[in-house]
Amino acid sequence: ADDAKYFDLNEIKTLDLAFDHERIIHD
């Protein structure tokens, strides 16, 4: 990891996440 941080749910919606992690977070 180059960085590690907490993102609020609104910020996460704007990110282009790796793999299928958007689906995993949604679940």
PDB file of all heavy atoms in Angstrom:
ATOM      1  N   ALA A   1       0.824  -1.206   0.000  1.00  0.00           N
ATOM      2  CA  ALA A   1       0.000   0.000   0.000  1.00  0.00           C
ATOM      3  C   ALA A   1       0.860   1.259   0.000  1.00  0.00           C
ATOM      4  O   ALA A   1       1.808   1.378   0.765  1.00  0.00           O
ATOM      5  CB  ALA A   1      -0.913   0.004   1.221  1.00  0.00           C
ATOM      6  N   ASP A   2       0.505   2.207  -0.883  1.00  0.00           N
ATOM      7  CA  ASP A   2       1.154   3.520  -0.910  1.00  0.00           C
ATOM      8  C   ASP A   2       0.540   4.469   0.109  1.00  0.00           C
ATOM      9  O   ASP A   2       1.160   5.438   0.517  1.00  0.00           O
ATOM     10  CB  ASP A   2       1.029   4.147  -2.298  1.00  0.00           C
ATOM     11  CG  ASP A   2       2.228   3.848  -3.175  1.00  0.00           C
ATOM     12  OD1 ASP A   2       3.304   3.526  -2.646  1.00  0.00           O
ATOM     13  OD2 ASP A   2       2.087   3.948  -4.409  1.00  0.00           O
ATOM     14  N   ASP A   3      -0.719   4.204   0.487  1.00  0.00           N
ATOM     15  CA  ASP A   3      -1.424   5.059   1.427  1.00  0.00           C
ATOM     16  C   ASP A   3      -2.537   4.231   2.046  1.00  0.00           C
ATOM     17  O   ASP A   3      -2.969   3.221   1.472  1.00  0.00           O
ATOM     18  CB  ASP A   3      -2.008   6.277   0.696  1.00  0.00           C
ATOM     19  CG  ASP A   3      -2.398   7.422   1.629  1.00  0.00           C
ATOM     20  OD1 ASP A   3      -2.192   7.297   2.855  1.00  0.00           O
ATOM     21  OD2 ASP A   3      -2.910   8.439   1.131  1.00  0.00           O
ATOM     22  N   ALA A   4      -2.988   4.639   3.202  1.00  0.00           N
ATOM     23  CA  ALA A   4      -4.119   4.010   3.873  1.00  0.00           C
ATOM     24  C   ALA A   4      -4.875   5.093   4.597  1.00  0.00           C
ATOM     25  O   ALA A   4      -4.275   5.896   5.325  1.00  0.00           O
ATOM     26  CB  ALA A   4      -3.641   2.940   4.853  1.00  0.00           C
ATOM     27  N   LYS A   5      -6.185   5.156   4.368  1.00  0.00           N
ATOM     28  CA  LYS A   5      -6.980   6.173   5.060  1.00  0.00           C
ATOM     29  C   LYS A   5      -8.444   5.792   5.047  1.00  0.00           C
ATOM     30  O   LYS A   5      -8.875   4.948   4.252  1.00  0.00           O
ATOM     31  CB  LYS A   5      -6.763   7.558   4.478  1.00  0.00           C
ATOM     32  CG  LYS A   5      -7.243   7.772   3.067  1.00  0.00           C
ATOM     33  CD  LYS A   5      -6.853   9.159   2.582  1.00  0.00           C
ATOM     34  CE  LYS A   5      -8.046   9.925   2.099  1.00  0.00           C
ATOM     35  NZ  LYS A   5      -7.745  11.262   1.623  1.00  0.00           N
ATOM     36  N   TYR A   6      -9.173   6.439   5.936  1.00  0.00           N
ATOM     37  CA  TYR A   6     -10.610   6.239   6.016  1.00  0.00           C
ATOM     38  C   TYR A   6     -11.305   7.223   5.080  1.00  0.00           C
ATOM     39  O   TYR A   6     -10.929   8.394   5.017  1.00  0.00           O
ATOM     40  CB  TYR A   6     -11.111   6.464   7.444  1.00  0.00           C
ATOM     41  CG  TYR A   6     -10.774   5.337   8.383  1.00  0.00           C
ATOM     42  CD1 TYR A   6      -9.600   5.361   9.135  1.00  0.00           C
ATOM     43  CD2 TYR A   6     -11.622   4.246   8.518  1.00  0.00           C
ATOM     44  CE1 TYR A   6      -9.292   4.324  10.011  1.00  0.00           C
ATOM     45  CE2 TYR A   6     -11.318   3.206   9.384  1.00  0.00           C
ATOM     46  CZ  TYR A   6     -10.153   3.254  10.123  1.00  0.00           C
ATOM     47  OH  TYR A   6      -9.846   2.232  10.977  1.00  0.00           O
ATOM     48  N   PHE A   7     -12.311   6.727   4.373  1.00  0.00           N
ATOM     49  CA  PHE A   7     -13.128   7.559   3.494  1.00  0.00           C
ATOM     50  C   PHE A   7     -14.571   7.488   3.966  1.00  0.00           C
ATOM     51  O   PHE A   7     -15.082   6.394   4.258  1.00  0.00           O
ATOM     52  CB  PHE A   7     -13.091   7.032   2.052  1.00  0.00           C
ATOM     53  CG  PHE A   7     -11.791   7.273   1.348  1.00  0.00           C
ATOM     54  CD1 PHE A   7     -10.765   6.337   1.436  1.00  0.00           C
ATOM     55  CD2 PHE A   7     -11.597   8.414   0.587  1.00  0.00           C
ATOM     56  CE1 PHE A   7      -9.564   6.539   0.776  1.00  0.00           C
ATOM     57  CE2 PHE A   7     -10.394   8.623  -0.076  1.00  0.00           C
ATOM     58  CZ  PHE A   7      -9.385   7.685   0.022  1.00  0.00           C
ATOM     59  N   ASP A   8     -15.250   8.646   4.019  1.00  0.00           N
ATOM     60  CA  ASP A   8     -16.672   8.583   4.346  1.00  0.00           C
ATOM     61  C   ASP A   8     -17.428   8.053   3.122  1.00  0.00           C
ATOM     62  O   ASP A   8     -16.889   8.000   2.015  1.00  0.00           O
ATOM     63  CB  ASP A   8     -17.209   9.918   4.867  1.00  0.00           C
ATOM     64  CG  ASP A   8     -17.347  11.003   3.818  1.00  0.00           C
ATOM     65  OD1 ASP A   8     -17.731  10.718   2.673  1.00  0.00           O
ATOM     66  OD2 ASP A   8     -17.092  12.171   4.171  1.00  0.00           O
ATOM     67  N   LEU A   9     -18.647   7.656   3.349  1.00  0.00           N
ATOM     68  CA  LEU A   9     -19.410   6.966   2.305  1.00  0.00           C
ATOM     69  C   LEU A   9     -19.627   7.829   1.066  1.00  0.00           C
ATOM     70  O   LEU A   9     -19.632   7.311  -0.052  1.00  0.00           O
ATOM     71  CB  LEU A   9     -20.745   6.482   2.871  1.00  0.00           C
ATOM     72  CG  LEU A   9     -20.621   5.510   4.045  1.00  0.00           C
ATOM     73  CD1 LEU A   9     -21.986   5.106   4.561  1.00  0.00           C
ATOM     74  CD2 LEU A   9     -19.795   4.300   3.669  1.00  0.00           C
ATOM     75  N   ASN A  10     -19.772   9.133   1.241  1.00  0.00           N
ATOM     76  CA  ASN A  10     -19.940  10.011   0.081  1.00  0.00           C
ATOM     77  C   ASN A  10     -18.656  10.082  -0.745  1.00  0.00           C
ATOM     78  O   ASN A  10     -18.707  10.128  -1.975  1.00  0.00           O
ATOM     79  CB  ASN A  10     -20.373  11.411   0.507  1.00  0.00           C
ATOM     80  CG  ASN A  10     -21.805  11.423   1.002  1.00  0.00           C
ATOM     81  OD1 ASN A  10     -22.642  10.673   0.509  1.00  0.00           O
ATOM     82  ND2 ASN A  10     -22.078  12.238   1.995  1.00  0.00           N
ATOM     83  N   GLU A  11     -17.504  10.111  -0.084  1.00  0.00           N
ATOM     84  CA  GLU A  11     -16.220  10.124  -0.797  1.00  0.00           C
ATOM     85  C   GLU A  11     -16.030   8.828  -1.585  1.00  0.00           C
ATOM     86  O   GLU A  11     -15.538   8.854  -2.713  1.00  0.00           O
ATOM     87  CB  GLU A  11     -15.057  10.269   0.184  1.00  0.00           C
ATOM     88  CG  GLU A  11     -14.870  11.636   0.787  1.00  0.00           C
ATOM     89  CD  GLU A  11     -13.726  11.624   1.783  1.00  0.00           C
ATOM     90  OE1 GLU A  11     -13.835  10.934   2.816  1.00  0.00           O
ATOM     91  OE2 GLU A  11     -12.717  12.313   1.501  1.00  0.00           O
ATOM     92  N   ILE A  12     -16.395   7.719  -0.981  1.00  0.00           N
ATOM     93  CA  ILE A  12     -16.197   6.411  -1.632  1.00  0.00           C
ATOM     94  C   ILE A  12     -16.960   6.344  -2.946  1.00  0.00           C
ATOM     95  O   ILE A  12     -16.471   5.776  -3.923  1.00  0.00           O
ATOM     96  CB  ILE A  12     -16.589   5.263  -0.679  1.00  0.00           C
ATOM     97  CG1 ILE A  12     -15.519   5.134   0.395  1.00  0.00           C
ATOM     98  CG2 ILE A  12     -16.754   3.945  -1.432  1.00  0.00           C
ATOM     99  CD1 ILE A  12     -15.807   4.120   1.464  1.00  0.00           C
ATOM    100  N   LYS A  13     -18.136   6.956  -2.980  1.00  0.00           N
ATOM    101  CA  LYS A  13     -18.947   6.933  -4.207  1.00  0.00           C
ATOM    102  C   LYS A  13     -18.241   7.616  -5.381  1.00  0.00           C
ATOM    103  O   LYS A  13     -18.555   7.352  -6.530  1.00  0.00           O
ATOM    104  CB  LYS A  13     -20.302   7.599  -3.957  1.00  0.00           C
ATOM    105  CG  LYS A  13     -21.191   6.808  -3.033  1.00  0.00           C
ATOM    106  CD  LYS A  13     -22.468   7.566  -2.714  1.00  0.00           C
ATOM    107  CE  LYS A  13     -23.269   6.826  -1.666  1.00  0.00           C
ATOM    108  NZ  LYS A  13     -24.424   7.585  -1.203  1.00  0.00           N
ATOM    109  N   THR A  14     -17.289   8.493  -5.090  1.00  0.00           N
ATOM    110  CA  THR A  14     -16.583   9.227  -6.155  1.00  0.00           C
ATOM    111  C   THR A  14     -15.300   8.524  -6.595  1.00  0.00           C
ATOM    112  O   THR A  14     -14.673   8.955  -7.562  1.00  0.00           O
ATOM    113  CB  THR A  14     -16.216  10.656  -5.692  1.00  0.00           C
ATOM    114  OG1 THR A  14     -15.228  10.577  -4.661  1.00  0.00           O
ATOM    115  CG2 THR A  14     -17.444  11.407  -5.184  1.00  0.00           C
ATOM    116  N   LEU A  15     -14.895   7.477  -5.881  1.00  0.00           N
ATOM    117  CA  LEU A  15     -13.637   6.792  -6.184  1.00  0.00           C
ATOM    118  C   LEU A  15     -13.829   5.696  -7.221  1.00  0.00           C
ATOM    119  O   LEU A  15     -14.873   5.050  -7.265  1.00  0.00           O
ATOM    120  CB  LEU A  15     -13.059   6.162  -4.908  1.00  0.00           C
ATOM    121  CG  LEU A  15     -12.703   7.102  -3.769  1.00  0.00           C
ATOM    122  CD1 LEU A  15     -12.275   6.296  -2.549  1.00  0.00           C
ATOM    123  CD2 LEU A  15     -11.610   8.070  -4.180  1.00  0.00           C
ATOM    124  N   ASP A  16     -12.794   5.482  -8.014  1.00  0.00           N
ATOM    125  CA  ASP A  16     -12.766   4.344  -8.932  1.00  0.00           C
ATOM    126  C   ASP A  16     -12.010   3.231  -8.206  1.00  0.00           C
ATOM    127  O   ASP A  16     -10.783   3.245  -8.138  1.00  0.00           O
ATOM    128  CB  ASP A  16     -12.051   4.744 -10.227  1.00  0.00           C
ATOM    129  CG  ASP A  16     -12.097   3.648 -11.266  1.00  0.00           C
ATOM    130  OD1 ASP A  16     -12.980   2.783 -11.176  1.00  0.00           O
ATOM    131  OD2 ASP A  16     -11.236   3.654 -12.160  1.00  0.00           O
ATOM    132  N   LEU A  17     -12.757   2.306  -7.631  1.00  0.00           N
ATOM    133  CA  LEU A  17     -12.159   1.276  -6.792  1.00  0.00           C
ATOM    134  C   LEU A  17     -11.623   0.108  -7.613  1.00  0.00           C
ATOM    135  O   LEU A  17     -12.131  -0.196  -8.684  1.00  0.00           O
ATOM    136  CB  LEU A  17     -13.187   0.760  -5.786  1.00  0.00           C
ATOM    137  CG  LEU A  17     -13.739   1.803  -4.822  1.00  0.00           C
ATOM    138  CD1 LEU A  17     -14.828   1.194  -3.951  1.00  0.00           C
ATOM    139  CD2 LEU A  17     -12.639   2.385  -3.956  1.00  0.00           C
ATOM    140  N   ALA A  18     -10.604  -0.554  -7.069  1.00  0.00           N
ATOM    141  CA  ALA A  18      -9.989  -1.711  -7.726  1.00  0.00           C
ATOM    142  C   ALA A  18     -10.906  -2.941  -7.622  1.00  0.00           C
ATOM    143  O   ALA A  18     -11.770  -3.019  -6.741  1.00  0.00           O
ATOM    144  CB  ALA A  18      -8.642  -2.011  -7.070  1.00  0.00           C
ATOM    145  N   PHE A  19     -10.646  -3.876  -8.509  1.00  0.00           N
ATOM    146  CA  PHE A  19     -11.327  -5.174  -8.513  1.00  0.00           C
ATOM    147  C   PHE A  19     -12.845  -4.977  -8.463  1.00  0.00           C
ATOM    148  O   PHE A  19     -13.360  -4.090  -9.141  1.00  0.00           O
ATOM    149  CB  PHE A  19     -10.819  -6.061  -7.361  1.00  0.00           C
ATOM    150  CG  PHE A  19      -9.321  -6.210  -7.333  1.00  0.00           C
ATOM    151  CD1 PHE A  19      -8.546  -5.498  -6.434  1.00  0.00           C
ATOM    152  CD2 PHE A  19      -8.681  -7.053  -8.234  1.00  0.00           C
ATOM    153  CE1 PHE A  19      -7.157  -5.632  -6.412  1.00  0.00           C
ATOM    154  CE2 PHE A  19      -7.290  -7.190  -8.221  1.00  0.00           C
ATOM    155  CZ  PHE A  19      -6.536  -6.478  -7.312  1.00  0.00           C
ATOM    156  N   ASP A  20     -13.537  -5.779  -7.663  1.00  0.00           N
ATOM    157  CA  ASP A  20     -14.987  -5.651  -7.493  1.00  0.00           C
ATOM    158  C   ASP A  20     -15.311  -5.070  -6.123  1.00  0.00           C
ATOM    159  O   ASP A  20     -16.336  -5.359  -5.522  1.00  0.00           O
ATOM    160  CB  ASP A  20     -15.670  -7.010  -7.676  1.00  0.00           C
ATOM    161  CG  ASP A  20     -15.054  -8.102  -6.803  1.00  0.00           C
ATOM    162  OD1 ASP A  20     -14.087  -7.817  -6.063  1.00  0.00           O
ATOM    163  OD2 ASP A  20     -15.539  -9.247  -6.873  1.00  0.00           O
ATOM    164  N   HIS A  21     -14.411  -4.204  -5.633  1.00  0.00           N
ATOM    165  CA  HIS A  21     -14.555  -3.704  -4.274  1.00  0.00           C
ATOM    166  C   HIS A  21     -15.742  -2.764  -4.097  1.00  0.00           C
ATOM    167  O   HIS A  21     -16.271  -2.660  -2.984  1.00  0.00           O
ATOM    168  CB  HIS A  21     -13.254  -3.073  -3.801  1.00  0.00           C
ATOM    169  CG  HIS A  21     -12.187  -4.110  -3.598  1.00  0.00           C
ATOM    170  ND1 HIS A  21     -10.944  -3.808  -3.106  1.00  0.00           N
ATOM    171  CD2 HIS A  21     -12.174  -5.457  -3.824  1.00  0.00           C
ATOM    172  CE1 HIS A  21     -10.215  -4.914  -3.030  1.00  0.00           C
ATOM    173  NE2 HIS A  21     -10.951  -5.922  -3.476  1.00  0.00           N
ATOM    174  N   GLU A  22     -16.207  -2.136  -5.160  1.00  0.00           N
ATOM    175  CA  GLU A  22     -17.437  -1.333  -5.049  1.00  0.00           C
ATOM    176  C   GLU A  22     -18.614  -2.239  -4.676  1.00  0.00           C
ATOM    177  O   GLU A  22     -19.409  -1.911  -3.796  1.00  0.00           O
ATOM    178  CB  GLU A  22     -17.715  -0.603  -6.361  1.00  0.00           C
ATOM    179  CG  GLU A  22     -18.934   0.296  -6.301  1.00  0.00           C
ATOM    180  CD  GLU A  22     -19.158   1.067  -7.595  1.00  0.00           C
ATOM    181  OE1 GLU A  22     -18.229   1.202  -8.409  1.00  0.00           O
ATOM    182  OE2 GLU A  22     -20.297   1.542  -7.777  1.00  0.00           O
ATOM    183  N   ARG A  23     -18.712  -3.374  -5.331  1.00  0.00           N
ATOM    184  CA  ARG A  23     -19.782  -4.335  -5.038  1.00  0.00           C
ATOM    185  C   ARG A  23     -19.654  -4.867  -3.608  1.00  0.00           C
ATOM    186  O   ARG A  23     -20.639  -4.999  -2.888  1.00  0.00           O
ATOM    187  CB  ARG A  23     -19.744  -5.498  -6.033  1.00  0.00           C
ATOM    188  CG  ARG A  23     -20.768  -6.561  -5.737  1.00  0.00           C
ATOM    189  CD  ARG A  23     -20.703  -7.710  -6.715  1.00  0.00           C
ATOM    190  NE  ARG A  23     -21.595  -8.760  -6.247  1.00  0.00           N
ATOM    191  CZ  ARG A  23     -21.396 -10.036  -6.461  1.00  0.00           C
ATOM    192  NH1 ARG A  23     -20.369 -10.449  -7.170  1.00  0.00           N
ATOM    193  NH2 ARG A  23     -22.244 -10.930  -6.005  1.00  0.00           N
ATOM    194  N   ILE A  24     -18.430  -5.191  -3.196  1.00  0.00           N
ATOM    195  CA  ILE A  24     -18.209  -5.726  -1.848  1.00  0.00           C
ATOM    196  C   ILE A  24     -18.608  -4.687  -0.798  1.00  0.00           C
ATOM    197  O   ILE A  24     -19.275  -5.023   0.189  1.00  0.00           O
ATOM    198  CB  ILE A  24     -16.742  -6.169  -1.669  1.00  0.00           C
ATOM    199  CG1 ILE A  24     -16.447  -7.381  -2.563  1.00  0.00           C
ATOM    200  CG2 ILE A  24     -16.449  -6.485  -0.203  1.00  0.00           C
ATOM    201  CD1 ILE A  24     -14.978  -7.786  -2.610  1.00  0.00           C
ATOM    202  N   ILE A  25     -18.231  -3.431  -1.009  1.00  0.00           N
ATOM    203  CA  ILE A  25     -18.614  -2.374  -0.063  1.00  0.00           C
ATOM    204  C   ILE A  25     -20.133  -2.220  -0.035  1.00  0.00           C
ATOM    205  O   ILE A  25     -20.733  -2.092   1.038  1.00  0.00           O
ATOM    206  CB  ILE A  25     -17.898  -1.049  -0.403  1.00  0.00           C
ATOM    207  CG1 ILE A  25     -16.407  -1.183  -0.075  1.00  0.00           C
ATOM    208  CG2 ILE A  25     -18.534   0.129   0.346  1.00  0.00           C
ATOM    209  CD1 ILE A  25     -15.547  -0.038  -0.564  1.00  0.00           C
ATOM    210  N   HIS A  26     -20.761  -2.250  -1.194  1.00  0.00           N
ATOM    211  CA  HIS A  26     -22.227  -2.165  -1.268  1.00  0.00           C
ATOM    212  C   HIS A  26     -22.864  -3.295  -0.451  1.00  0.00           C
ATOM    213  O   HIS A  26     -23.788  -3.058   0.333  1.00  0.00           O
ATOM    214  CB  HIS A  26     -22.676  -2.211  -2.735  1.00  0.00           C
ATOM    215  CG  HIS A  26     -24.154  -2.245  -2.909  1.00  0.00           C
ATOM    216  ND1 HIS A  26     -24.942  -1.126  -2.755  1.00  0.00           N
ATOM    217  CD2 HIS A  26     -24.992  -3.270  -3.205  1.00  0.00           C
ATOM    218  CE1 HIS A  26     -26.207  -1.459  -2.950  1.00  0.00           C
ATOM    219  NE2 HIS A  26     -26.263  -2.760  -3.222  1.00  0.00           N
ATOM    220  N   ASP A  27     -22.370  -4.517  -0.629  1.00  0.00           N
ATOM    221  CA  ASP A  27     -22.900  -5.662   0.116  1.00  0.00           C
ATOM    222  C   ASP A  27     -22.664  -5.489   1.618  1.00  0.00           C
ATOM    223  O   ASP A  27     -23.519  -5.846   2.436  1.00  0.00           O
ATOM    224  CB  ASP A  27     -22.257  -6.965  -0.360  1.00  0.00           C
ATOM    225  CG  ASP A  27     -22.672  -7.341  -1.782  1.00  0.00           C
ATOM    226  OD1 ASP A  27     -23.600  -6.714  -2.346  1.00  0.00           O
ATOM    227  OD2 ASP A  27     -22.046  -8.272  -2.334  1.00  0.00           O
TER     228      ASP A  27
END
